Amino acid sequence: MGTGSDIILRGGTIYDGSGGDPFIGDVAIRDDRIALVAPSIQERAANEIDVSGLAVAPGFINMLSWANESLIADGRSQGDICQGVTLEVMGEGSSMGPWNDRMKKERLENQGDIKYDITWSTLREYLEFLANKGVSPNIASFVGATTIRVNVLGRDDVTPSSDQLETMRRLTHEAMQDGAFGVASALIYAPAFYAKTEELIALAEVAAEYGGMYTSHLRSEGDAFLEAIDEFLTIAKQSGARSEIYHLKAAGRGNWHKMDHAIEKLESAQLDGLPVSANMYMYAAAQTGLDVSMPPWVQEGGLRKWIERLKQPEIRARVIAEMSTPSNKWENGYLHAGPEGVLMVGFKKLKQFTGMTLAQVASLLGKSPEETAIEMVVQDESRVETVYFWMSEDNIKKQLAKPWISVGSDGSSMSTEGVFLNSSTHPRAYGNVARLLGHYVREKKVMSLQEAVRRLTTLPASNLGITNRGALLKGCFADVVAFDPDKIADCATFENPHQYSVGVEHVFVNGQQVISEGTHTGATPGRVVLR
């Protein structure tokens, strides 16, 4: 289907993204744009598709995507595109540029299942590399505050000098001029953990100069959750940047009750005129690594130095003691979830343990769970990808009730074949949007379908400052999804995550059909979307 094709979707129920009442109507696409949305379009088109009984909506925006490497391996983006996701927004803390030679070498040495050559240095060059290679969805990114920090300071626990901070700000300026949507941090991880509030304000100020955002994985989602919200609000206020919290959650049963107070803080700031928002995923479990079960000091200097320290008996004993002790000084994922709630999903070498809990592996090895976690990192020579069961279903519903919360999977976009089957993953990589529309909208009725579509389209688009996508309006880019609201559902589970969602019948990206009657066409019309 080349450019110049005329397409009319006929008789669907139109959810235009505004959150208003749906209506039965037609959508005409000409070239890469929406030509008309109306109750009835009289003209005929070369390609007419009957979508009666289906919901027709703008393509969905994934506000927190980790498709960085999965799109290199397979540009079809099947896990997400078959849920109607037409824009992947990447860059949570770490982005695919700006990289210096040291960073490229480090990345090449530490690649997991997906191997690739690095032919770019800047973030913009990476995005253009992907688009030129061919990807089905549109792609965009924040510049990672961690990436900027590592570029200038390395991975040590240091405070930048005024000259170094100026260099970090210059790199941020360059990324913003190249079209990054803002600066993003992920503050529970070393070396991001070492950044002081002032450093983050200095970078967020640069984003604000361009009308960009500051987005953050908070410094704590657990024992210091409310203090981390305060820091986030300080950065938002002092930098002047529109700001968003990544994957809002309260981690650890003892912290679940803090969500009410967190929401109060954010809504109070909104009433004071501060433009703050949040996104979330639809599961009561997070995916990260065993690094969030160990104190940041032991990880200083990067993976190799972390492993070398863990081999020293006196350091190992100290790490075990700190893993077992509650603290609001660092985010202890191990204590939030407990050894039965830590599921191992991604290894470089120890793949025989994939799908087992930390408790099960500890029992098998005859070691304590803490000792086992340490041994896993040392033997696997990686942080080990891990799912943590530490959130509350009640909080998910409470958060979804808030009109300022959009949606991000915090996952890659995979295929149920090839290299992706070498590791397990979190079901959010295949089911996040479908779970919202099927489980929470249709079954639990936590919001109307038109409101859910707004949260997936115009809300994130307006937060990002995108004016020509995210709505079914004449002149907008033709990113369009047609799905069956009675059938859309997530199929991925924690036991068997590599399963596509069902219920999406047609997806168009920039006017080209990528999903037809539920099947991928192989088309890769995705483009780089710049701020």
Protein backbone atom coordinates (compact mmCIF):
# COMPACT_ATOMS: atom_id res chain seq x y z
CA MET A 1 0.00 0.00 0.00
CA GLY A 2 2.02 2.98 -1.21
CA THR A 3 1.63 6.62 -0.39
CA GLY A 4 -1.25 8.25 -2.20
CA SER A 5 -3.58 5.37 -1.29
CA ASP A 6 -7.02 6.48 -0.23
CA ILE A 7 -8.52 4.47 2.59
CA ILE A 8 -11.92 4.81 4.23
CA LEU A 9 -12.80 2.99 7.46
CA ARG A 10 -16.59 2.71 7.38
CA GLY A 11 -19.21 2.42 10.08
CA GLY A 12 -17.00 2.22 13.16
CA THR A 13 -17.70 3.70 16.56
CA ILE A 14 -15.45 6.76 16.63
CA TYR A 15 -13.52 7.54 19.83
CA ASP A 16 -11.65 10.65 18.72
CA GLY A 17 -9.37 10.89 21.78
CA SER A 18 -11.10 13.91 23.35
CA GLY A 19 -12.92 11.79 25.96
CA GLY A 20 -16.28 12.91 24.55
CA ASP A 21 -19.13 10.60 23.59
CA PRO A 22 -18.38 8.23 20.70
CA PHE A 23 -20.40 8.30 17.46
CA ILE A 24 -20.86 6.02 14.49
CA GLY A 25 -18.95 7.32 11.51
CA ASP A 26 -16.26 7.01 8.84
CA VAL A 27 -12.57 7.91 8.80
CA ALA A 28 -10.84 8.81 5.53
CA ILE A 29 -7.04 8.57 5.17
CA ARG A 30 -5.13 10.26 2.36
CA ASP A 31 -1.39 9.75 2.08
CA ASP A 32 -0.10 9.89 5.68
CA ARG A 33 -2.87 12.08 7.10
CA ILE A 34 -6.46 11.89 8.27
CA ALA A 35 -8.46 13.53 5.50
CA LEU A 36 -11.87 13.53 7.18
CA VAL A 37 -13.79 12.15 10.16
CA ALA A 38 -17.56 12.35 9.72
CA PRO A 39 -20.82 10.47 10.41
CA SER A 40 -20.89 9.57 6.73
CA ILE A 41 -18.36 10.15 3.95
CA GLN A 42 -19.94 10.12 0.49
CA GLU A 43 -16.82 9.75 -1.64
CA ARG A 44 -15.44 6.32 -2.49
CA ALA A 45 -11.89 5.15 -1.94
CA ALA A 46 -9.59 2.58 -3.52
CA ASN A 47 -9.49 0.70 -0.19
CA GLU A 48 -12.64 0.60 1.93
CA ILE A 49 -12.71 -1.36 5.18
CA ASP A 50 -15.90 -2.23 7.05
CA VAL A 51 -15.21 -1.58 10.73
CA SER A 52 -18.81 -1.70 11.96
CA GLY A 53 -18.93 -3.07 15.52
CA LEU A 54 -15.34 -1.95 16.13
CA ALA A 55 -14.05 1.02 18.12
CA VAL A 56 -11.94 3.34 15.96
CA ALA A 57 -9.42 5.44 17.88
CA PRO A 58 -6.17 7.37 17.44
CA GLY A 59 -3.08 5.16 17.68
CA PHE A 60 -2.03 4.61 21.28
CA ILE A 61 1.02 6.23 22.89
CA ASN A 62 3.31 4.18 25.14
CA MET A 63 4.69 6.81 27.54
CA LEU A 64 7.35 4.46 28.93
CA SER A 65 8.77 2.10 26.37
CA TRP A 66 11.88 -0.07 26.62
CA ALA A 67 11.73 -1.03 22.94
CA ASN A 68 15.25 0.46 22.45
CA GLU A 69 16.92 -2.87 21.72
CA SER A 70 13.91 -5.03 20.82
CA LEU A 71 13.24 -2.80 17.79
CA ILE A 72 16.83 -3.36 16.65
CA ALA A 73 16.22 -7.12 16.75
CA ASP A 74 12.75 -6.93 15.17
CA GLY A 75 11.34 -3.65 13.88
CA ARG A 76 7.83 -5.05 13.56
CA SER A 77 7.18 -4.27 17.27
CA GLN A 78 4.60 -7.04 17.33
CA GLY A 79 3.97 -7.17 21.08
CA ASP A 80 2.87 -3.54 21.17
CA ILE A 81 1.54 -2.88 17.68
CA CYS A 82 -1.00 -5.68 18.02
CA GLN A 83 -2.38 -3.73 21.00
CA GLY A 84 -2.66 -0.59 18.88
CA VAL A 85 0.50 1.18 20.13
CA THR A 86 1.72 3.45 17.32
CA LEU A 87 4.22 5.61 19.25
CA GLU A 88 6.99 4.28 21.52
CA VAL A 89 8.46 6.92 23.86
CA MET A 90 11.81 5.74 25.23
CA GLY A 91 14.56 7.01 27.52
CA GLU A 92 13.71 6.25 31.17
CA GLY A 93 16.94 7.41 32.85
CA SER A 94 19.11 5.73 30.22
CA SER A 95 18.86 6.64 26.54
CA MET A 96 20.62 5.34 23.43
CA GLY A 97 22.79 8.49 23.26
CA PRO A 98 24.75 10.64 23.68
CA TRP A 99 27.37 7.89 23.96
CA ASN A 100 31.13 8.37 23.99
CA ASP A 101 33.63 5.64 23.01
CA ARG A 102 33.90 4.35 26.60
CA MET A 103 30.12 3.97 26.83
CA LYS A 104 29.92 2.19 23.47
CA LYS A 105 32.62 -0.26 24.55
CA GLU A 106 30.78 -0.91 27.82
CA ARG A 107 27.49 -1.49 25.99
CA LEU A 108 29.09 -3.91 23.52
CA GLU A 109 30.66 -5.88 26.40
CA ASN A 110 27.41 -6.11 28.36
CA GLN A 111 24.91 -6.94 25.62
CA GLY A 112 22.37 -9.61 26.52
CA ASP A 113 20.42 -11.83 24.11
CA ILE A 114 20.20 -9.08 21.48
CA LYS A 115 23.54 -8.32 19.78
CA TYR A 116 24.10 -5.27 17.58
CA ASP A 117 26.82 -2.98 16.27
CA ILE A 118 26.79 0.61 17.49
CA THR A 119 26.99 2.96 14.51
CA TRP A 120 25.68 6.10 16.26
CA SER A 121 26.77 8.49 19.01
CA THR A 122 23.88 10.91 19.56
CA LEU A 123 20.31 10.07 20.51
CA ARG A 124 19.01 11.55 17.24
CA GLU A 125 21.42 9.35 15.25
CA TYR A 126 20.08 6.28 17.07
CA LEU A 127 16.45 7.18 16.31
CA GLU A 128 17.29 7.77 12.64
CA PHE A 129 19.23 4.49 12.54
CA LEU A 130 16.06 2.69 13.73
CA ALA A 131 13.76 4.48 11.29
CA ASN A 132 16.13 3.84 8.37
CA LYS A 133 16.36 0.17 9.36
CA GLY A 134 12.56 0.02 9.33
CA VAL A 135 10.17 -0.02 12.29
CA SER A 136 6.41 -0.38 12.42
CA PRO A 137 5.65 2.19 15.16
CA ASN A 138 6.72 5.79 15.43
CA ILE A 139 9.60 6.36 17.85
CA ALA A 140 10.57 9.16 20.22
CA SER A 141 12.81 9.52 23.24
CA PHE A 142 13.81 11.52 26.26
CA VAL A 143 17.51 12.00 26.92
CA GLY A 144 18.54 10.03 29.99
CA ALA A 145 19.92 11.98 32.95
CA THR A 146 21.93 8.84 33.78
CA THR A 147 23.34 8.73 30.25
CA ILE A 148 24.40 12.39 30.48
CA ARG A 149 25.97 11.70 33.90
CA VAL A 150 27.89 8.60 32.78
CA ASN A 151 29.08 10.42 29.65
CA VAL A 152 30.75 13.14 31.76
CA LEU A 153 31.37 11.56 35.19
CA GLY A 154 31.52 7.81 34.60
CA ARG A 155 29.84 5.47 37.09
CA ASP A 156 31.41 6.69 40.33
CA ASP A 157 29.70 8.30 43.31
CA VAL A 158 30.90 11.85 42.61
CA THR A 159 29.39 15.32 42.51
CA PRO A 160 30.09 17.21 39.28
CA SER A 161 32.31 20.30 39.41
CA SER A 162 30.80 23.47 37.97
CA ASP A 163 32.67 22.82 34.71
CA GLN A 164 31.45 19.22 34.55
CA LEU A 165 27.88 20.32 35.25
CA GLU A 166 28.17 22.84 32.43
CA THR A 167 29.28 20.03 30.10
CA MET A 168 26.29 17.95 31.22
CA ARG A 169 23.99 20.89 30.51
CA ARG A 170 25.61 21.38 27.09
CA LEU A 171 24.97 17.71 26.19
CA THR A 172 21.36 18.18 27.32
CA HIS A 173 21.03 21.30 25.15
CA GLU A 174 22.32 19.32 22.16
CA ALA A 175 19.84 16.48 22.77
CA MET A 176 16.97 18.95 23.12
CA GLN A 177 18.00 20.74 19.92
CA ASP A 178 18.01 17.30 18.28
CA GLY A 179 14.37 16.79 19.28
CA ALA A 180 14.45 14.92 22.61
CA PHE A 181 11.19 15.35 24.52
CA GLY A 182 12.98 16.28 27.72
CA VAL A 183 15.20 14.83 30.42
CA ALA A 184 14.36 11.59 32.22
CA SER A 185 15.84 10.16 35.42
CA ALA A 186 15.69 6.77 37.15
CA LEU A 187 16.93 7.49 40.63
CA ILE A 188 16.88 4.14 42.44
CA TYR A 189 19.67 2.77 40.24
CA ALA A 190 23.39 3.34 40.55
CA PRO A 191 24.87 5.61 39.23
CA ALA A 192 21.71 7.78 38.92
CA PHE A 193 21.26 7.31 42.68
CA TYR A 194 24.40 9.42 43.26
CA ALA A 195 22.89 12.51 41.57
CA LYS A 196 21.86 15.24 44.00
CA THR A 197 18.61 17.18 43.57
CA GLU A 198 20.54 20.26 42.38
CA GLU A 199 22.12 18.31 39.52
CA LEU A 200 18.69 17.15 38.35
CA ILE A 201 17.27 20.68 38.55
CA ALA A 202 20.18 21.94 36.43
CA LEU A 203 19.40 19.41 33.67
CA ALA A 204 15.60 19.82 33.92
CA GLU A 205 16.05 23.61 33.52
CA VAL A 206 17.59 22.96 30.11
CA ALA A 207 14.60 20.83 29.08
CA ALA A 208 12.27 23.60 30.27
CA GLU A 209 14.01 26.16 28.04
CA TYR A 210 12.80 24.16 25.03
CA GLY A 211 9.32 23.48 26.42
CA GLY A 212 10.44 19.92 27.21
CA MET A 213 9.52 17.71 30.16
CA TYR A 214 11.26 16.28 33.19
CA THR A 215 10.18 12.69 33.85
CA SER A 216 11.35 10.50 36.68
CA HIS A 217 11.45 7.06 38.16
CA LEU A 218 11.35 8.42 41.71
CA ARG A 219 14.23 8.01 44.17
CA SER A 220 11.95 5.74 46.19
CA GLU A 221 8.62 4.05 45.58
CA GLY A 222 8.85 2.34 48.97
CA ASP A 223 10.02 3.39 52.42
CA ALA A 224 10.89 6.96 51.30
CA PHE A 225 8.06 7.23 48.75
CA LEU A 226 6.57 10.48 50.08
CA GLU A 227 9.99 12.10 50.47
CA ALA A 228 10.73 11.12 46.85
CA ILE A 229 7.47 12.80 45.72
CA ASP A 230 8.62 15.94 47.56
CA GLU A 231 11.96 15.87 45.72
CA PHE A 232 10.14 15.41 42.40
CA LEU A 233 7.90 18.40 43.12
CA THR A 234 10.94 20.50 44.09
CA ILE A 235 12.61 19.69 40.76
CA ALA A 236 9.40 20.48 38.87
CA LYS A 237 8.95 23.80 40.65
CA GLN A 238 12.55 25.02 40.52
CA SER A 239 13.26 23.91 36.94
CA GLY A 240 10.00 25.18 35.46
CA ALA A 241 9.63 21.98 33.44
CA ARG A 242 6.33 20.19 32.97
CA SER A 243 7.02 17.02 34.97
CA GLU A 244 5.77 13.45 35.05
CA ILE A 245 6.30 10.47 37.35
CA TYR A 246 7.13 7.19 35.63
CA HIS A 247 5.05 4.14 36.64
CA LEU A 248 3.49 5.63 39.78
CA LYS A 249 3.33 2.94 42.48
CA ALA A 250 3.77 2.25 46.19
CA ALA A 251 6.15 -0.69 46.60
CA GLY A 252 6.02 -3.04 49.59
CA ARG A 253 2.91 -3.86 51.64
CA GLY A 254 4.04 -1.54 54.45
CA ASN A 255 3.97 1.37 52.00
CA TRP A 256 0.69 0.75 50.18
CA HIS A 257 -1.23 3.13 52.44
CA LYS A 258 1.04 6.00 51.31
CA MET A 259 -0.60 6.18 47.88
CA ASP A 260 -3.48 8.32 49.18
CA HIS A 261 -1.05 10.87 50.56
CA ALA A 262 1.08 10.78 47.39
CA ILE A 263 -1.97 11.55 45.25
CA GLU A 264 -2.92 14.36 47.64
CA LYS A 265 0.55 15.90 47.27
CA LEU A 266 0.40 15.75 43.47
CA GLU A 267 -3.14 17.12 43.23
CA SER A 268 -2.32 19.90 45.67
CA ALA A 269 0.64 20.86 43.44
CA GLN A 270 -1.66 20.81 40.39
CA LEU A 271 -4.09 23.16 42.17
CA ASP A 272 -1.12 25.47 42.79
CA GLY A 273 -0.55 25.57 39.04
CA LEU A 274 2.34 23.11 38.80
CA PRO A 275 2.01 21.03 35.58
CA VAL A 276 2.67 17.54 37.02
CA SER A 277 1.26 14.19 35.94
CA ALA A 278 2.08 10.47 36.05
CA ASN A 279 1.85 7.30 34.03
CA MET A 280 1.43 3.67 35.10
CA TYR A 281 1.18 0.07 33.95
CA MET A 282 -1.62 -2.39 34.70
CA TYR A 283 0.12 -4.98 36.87
CA ALA A 284 0.86 -5.36 40.58
CA ALA A 285 4.42 -6.51 39.84
CA ALA A 286 7.44 -4.59 38.57
CA GLN A 287 10.32 -5.79 36.39
CA THR A 288 13.84 -4.62 37.01
CA GLY A 289 16.98 -6.42 38.23
CA LEU A 290 18.71 -7.78 41.32
CA ASP A 291 20.54 -4.44 41.49
CA VAL A 292 17.54 -3.01 43.35
CA SER A 293 17.99 -5.69 46.01
CA MET A 294 21.50 -4.51 46.86
CA PRO A 295 22.77 -1.18 48.25
CA PRO A 296 24.00 1.36 45.67
CA TRP A 297 27.47 1.73 47.27
CA VAL A 298 28.42 -1.81 46.26
CA GLN A 299 27.56 -1.02 42.63
CA GLU A 300 29.74 2.06 42.27
CA GLY A 301 31.85 2.03 39.11
CA GLY A 302 29.59 -0.29 37.11
CA LEU A 303 28.90 -4.01 36.69
CA ARG A 304 32.50 -5.33 36.70
CA LYS A 305 33.43 -3.50 39.91
CA TRP A 306 30.15 -4.55 41.53
CA ILE A 307 30.90 -8.21 40.80
CA GLU A 308 34.50 -7.91 42.02
CA ARG A 309 33.28 -6.47 45.33
CA LEU A 310 30.68 -9.23 45.75
CA LYS A 311 33.48 -11.81 45.54
CA GLN A 312 35.10 -10.38 48.70
CA PRO A 313 33.79 -12.18 51.84
CA GLU A 314 33.73 -9.13 54.13
CA ILE A 315 31.85 -7.03 51.53
CA ARG A 316 29.48 -9.91 50.82
CA ALA A 317 28.69 -10.15 54.55
CA ARG A 318 27.97 -6.42 54.71
CA VAL A 319 25.71 -6.58 51.63
CA ILE A 320 23.78 -9.52 53.11
CA ALA A 321 23.29 -7.58 56.35
CA GLU A 322 21.99 -4.51 54.49
CA MET A 323 19.71 -6.57 52.21
CA SER A 324 18.06 -7.97 55.36
CA THR A 325 17.61 -4.59 57.11
CA PRO A 326 14.81 -2.11 56.31
CA SER A 327 16.17 1.30 55.29
CA ASN A 328 14.79 4.48 53.77
CA LYS A 329 18.25 5.33 52.42
CA TRP A 330 17.96 3.08 49.34
CA GLU A 331 15.26 1.10 47.55
CA ASN A 332 15.35 -2.49 48.83
CA GLY A 333 13.36 -4.52 46.33
CA TYR A 334 14.25 -7.75 48.08
CA LEU A 335 12.51 -6.70 51.31
CA HIS A 336 9.53 -5.17 49.47
CA ALA A 337 8.76 -8.44 47.70
CA GLY A 338 10.28 -11.17 49.89
CA PRO A 339 12.19 -14.10 48.35
CA GLU A 340 8.93 -15.78 47.22
CA GLY A 341 7.96 -12.57 45.41
CA VAL A 342 11.18 -12.27 43.38
CA LEU A 343 10.82 -14.04 40.01
CA MET A 344 13.94 -14.55 37.85
CA VAL A 345 13.15 -13.86 34.17
CA GLY A 346 16.35 -12.89 32.33
CA PHE A 347 19.86 -14.37 32.48
CA LYS A 348 22.93 -14.17 30.26
CA LYS A 349 24.29 -17.57 31.34
CA LEU A 350 22.18 -19.20 34.09
CA LYS A 351 19.13 -19.72 31.89
CA GLN A 352 18.26 -22.96 33.72
CA PHE A 353 16.86 -20.82 36.54
CA THR A 354 14.51 -18.80 34.29
CA GLY A 355 10.98 -18.68 35.70
CA MET A 356 11.99 -19.69 39.24
CA THR A 357 11.61 -17.52 42.33
CA LEU A 358 14.60 -16.47 44.41
CA ALA A 359 13.23 -18.67 47.21
CA GLN A 360 13.12 -21.72 44.90
CA VAL A 361 16.67 -21.17 43.62
CA ALA A 362 17.92 -20.64 47.21
CA SER A 363 16.31 -23.91 48.26
CA LEU A 364 17.85 -25.71 45.29
CA LEU A 365 21.34 -24.34 46.06
CA GLY A 366 21.01 -24.76 49.84
CA LYS A 367 21.91 -21.09 50.46
CA SER A 368 20.10 -18.13 51.99
CA PRO A 369 18.08 -16.01 49.53
CA GLU A 370 20.48 -13.08 50.07
CA GLU A 371 23.55 -15.24 49.34
CA THR A 372 21.73 -16.70 46.32
CA ALA A 373 20.98 -13.25 44.86
CA ILE A 374 24.66 -12.32 45.19
CA GLU A 375 25.75 -15.61 43.63
CA MET A 376 23.36 -15.09 40.70
CA VAL A 377 24.89 -11.70 39.84
CA VAL A 378 28.45 -13.02 40.17
CA GLN A 379 27.90 -16.21 38.16
CA ASP A 380 25.67 -14.64 35.49
CA GLU A 381 27.84 -11.53 35.12
CA SER A 382 24.68 -9.44 34.78
CA ARG A 383 22.20 -7.65 36.99
CA VAL A 384 19.74 -10.56 36.30
CA GLU A 385 16.31 -9.44 35.06
CA THR A 386 13.78 -9.89 37.84
CA VAL A 387 10.05 -9.45 38.44
CA TYR A 388 9.07 -8.17 41.90
CA PHE A 389 5.56 -8.73 43.25
CA TRP A 390 5.26 -5.71 45.52
CA MET A 391 2.22 -3.58 44.57
CA SER A 392 -1.45 -3.47 45.52
CA GLU A 393 -4.37 -4.14 43.15
CA ASP A 394 -6.47 -1.63 45.14
CA ASN A 395 -3.90 1.08 44.44
CA ILE A 396 -3.97 0.29 40.71
CA LYS A 397 -7.72 0.99 40.65
CA LYS A 398 -7.29 4.08 42.84
CA GLN A 399 -4.65 5.49 40.46
CA LEU A 400 -6.64 4.65 37.34
CA ALA A 401 -9.47 6.83 38.69
CA LYS A 402 -7.23 9.88 38.29
CA PRO A 403 -7.74 11.79 35.02
CA TRP A 404 -4.07 12.93 34.88
CA ILE A 405 -2.61 9.42 34.69
CA SER A 406 -1.56 8.07 31.28
CA VAL A 407 -0.18 4.65 30.33
CA GLY A 408 3.31 3.23 29.84
CA SER A 409 4.28 -0.44 29.63
CA ASP A 410 7.83 -0.08 31.01
CA GLY A 411 8.55 -3.03 28.72
CA SER A 412 10.03 -3.86 25.33
CA SER A 413 8.01 -4.73 22.26
CA MET A 414 8.85 -8.30 21.35
CA SER A 415 7.88 -11.10 19.01
CA THR A 416 6.91 -14.61 20.08
CA GLU A 417 9.84 -16.03 18.12
CA GLY A 418 13.59 -15.92 17.67
CA VAL A 419 15.93 -14.28 20.13
CA PHE A 420 13.09 -13.13 22.40
CA LEU A 421 12.33 -16.69 23.48
CA ASN A 422 15.81 -17.02 25.02
CA SER A 423 14.53 -15.21 28.12
CA SER A 424 11.27 -14.77 29.95
CA THR A 425 9.79 -11.30 30.54
CA HIS A 426 7.00 -9.42 32.27
CA PRO A 427 3.54 -9.83 30.67
CA ARG A 428 3.28 -6.04 30.39
CA ALA A 429 5.53 -6.30 27.31
CA TYR A 430 2.62 -8.00 25.51
CA GLY A 431 -0.51 -6.99 27.41
CA ASN A 432 -0.41 -3.58 29.07
CA VAL A 433 -2.86 -1.66 26.85
CA ALA A 434 -5.11 -4.66 26.22
CA ARG A 435 -5.30 -5.24 29.98
CA LEU A 436 -6.46 -1.65 30.51
CA LEU A 437 -9.14 -1.87 27.81
CA GLY A 438 -10.24 -5.44 28.54
CA HIS A 439 -9.76 -6.11 32.24
CA TYR A 440 -10.06 -2.66 33.81
CA VAL A 441 -12.52 -0.97 31.40
CA ARG A 442 -14.77 -3.78 30.18
CA GLU A 443 -14.68 -6.09 33.20
CA LYS A 444 -13.92 -3.88 36.22
CA LYS A 445 -15.52 -0.71 34.78
CA VAL A 446 -12.94 1.57 36.45
CA MET A 447 -13.50 4.13 33.66
CA SER A 448 -15.44 4.56 30.42
CA LEU A 449 -13.94 3.41 27.14
CA GLN A 450 -13.79 6.99 25.84
CA GLU A 451 -11.85 8.04 28.94
CA ALA A 452 -9.42 5.11 28.52
CA VAL A 453 -8.84 6.13 24.89
CA ARG A 454 -8.15 9.72 26.03
CA ARG A 455 -5.56 8.44 28.52
CA LEU A 456 -3.85 6.51 25.70
CA THR A 457 -3.91 9.33 23.14
CA THR A 458 -4.59 13.04 23.67
CA LEU A 459 -3.48 13.10 27.32
CA PRO A 460 0.08 11.82 26.67
CA ALA A 461 0.26 13.76 23.38
CA SER A 462 -0.58 17.04 25.12
CA ASN A 463 1.83 16.30 28.00
CA LEU A 464 4.57 15.70 25.42
CA GLY A 465 3.58 18.78 23.43
CA ILE A 466 2.67 16.80 20.29
CA THR A 467 -0.07 18.56 18.33
CA ASN A 468 -0.42 16.46 15.18
CA ARG A 469 -0.80 12.96 16.63
CA GLY A 470 -2.99 11.36 19.29
CA ALA A 471 -6.34 12.56 17.93
CA LEU A 472 -8.75 11.56 15.16
CA LEU A 473 -8.88 15.00 13.58
CA LYS A 474 -8.56 16.17 10.00
CA GLY A 475 -4.91 16.99 9.28
CA CYS A 476 -3.43 14.80 12.02
CA PHE A 477 -1.05 12.00 11.04
CA ALA A 478 -3.03 8.87 10.26
CA ASP A 479 -2.10 6.71 13.25
CA VAL A 480 -5.34 4.81 13.71
CA VAL A 481 -6.45 1.67 15.54
CA ALA A 482 -9.69 -0.32 15.13
CA PHE A 483 -10.40 -2.84 17.90
CA ASP A 484 -13.25 -4.93 19.24
CA PRO A 485 -14.12 -3.58 22.72
CA ASP A 486 -15.89 -6.86 23.55
CA LYS A 487 -12.87 -9.00 22.70
CA ILE A 488 -9.72 -7.00 23.40
CA ALA A 489 -7.76 -8.87 26.08
CA ASP A 490 -4.28 -9.58 27.34
CA CYS A 491 -3.18 -13.21 27.04
CA ALA A 492 0.34 -12.93 28.49
CA THR A 493 0.87 -14.34 31.99
CA PHE A 494 3.83 -14.37 34.37
CA GLU A 495 4.22 -18.10 33.71
CA ASN A 496 3.93 -17.71 29.92
CA PRO A 497 4.46 -14.07 28.97
CA HIS A 498 5.28 -14.54 25.27
CA GLN A 499 1.67 -14.35 24.03
CA TYR A 500 0.13 -11.62 21.90
CA SER A 501 -2.97 -9.78 23.01
CA VAL A 502 -6.17 -10.22 21.00
CA GLY A 503 -8.97 -7.97 19.79
CA VAL A 504 -7.15 -5.37 17.67
CA GLU A 505 -8.24 -5.80 14.05
CA HIS A 506 -6.58 -2.96 12.14
CA VAL A 507 -3.69 -0.59 12.82
CA PHE A 508 -2.43 2.22 10.57
CA VAL A 509 0.81 4.15 11.11
CA ASN A 510 1.33 7.27 9.01
CA GLY A 511 -1.47 6.05 6.74
CA GLN A 512 0.02 2.61 6.07
CA GLN A 513 -1.70 -0.54 7.30
CA VAL A 514 0.48 -2.48 9.74
CA ILE A 515 -2.19 -4.77 11.20
CA SER A 516 -4.91 -6.16 8.92
CA GLU A 517 -7.62 -8.40 10.40
CA GLY A 518 -5.39 -9.04 13.39
CA THR A 519 -2.31 -10.00 11.35
CA HIS A 520 0.90 -8.02 10.87
CA THR A 521 1.36 -6.92 7.24
CA GLY A 522 5.15 -6.58 7.57
CA ALA A 523 4.94 -2.83 6.88
CA THR A 524 7.46 -0.61 8.68
CA PRO A 525 6.23 2.96 8.14
CA GLY A 526 7.34 4.23 11.58
CA ARG A 527 9.02 7.64 11.76
CA VAL A 528 11.09 9.58 14.26
CA VAL A 529 8.83 11.94 16.21
CA LEU A 530 10.71 14.98 17.51
CA ARG A 531 9.68 17.48 20.14
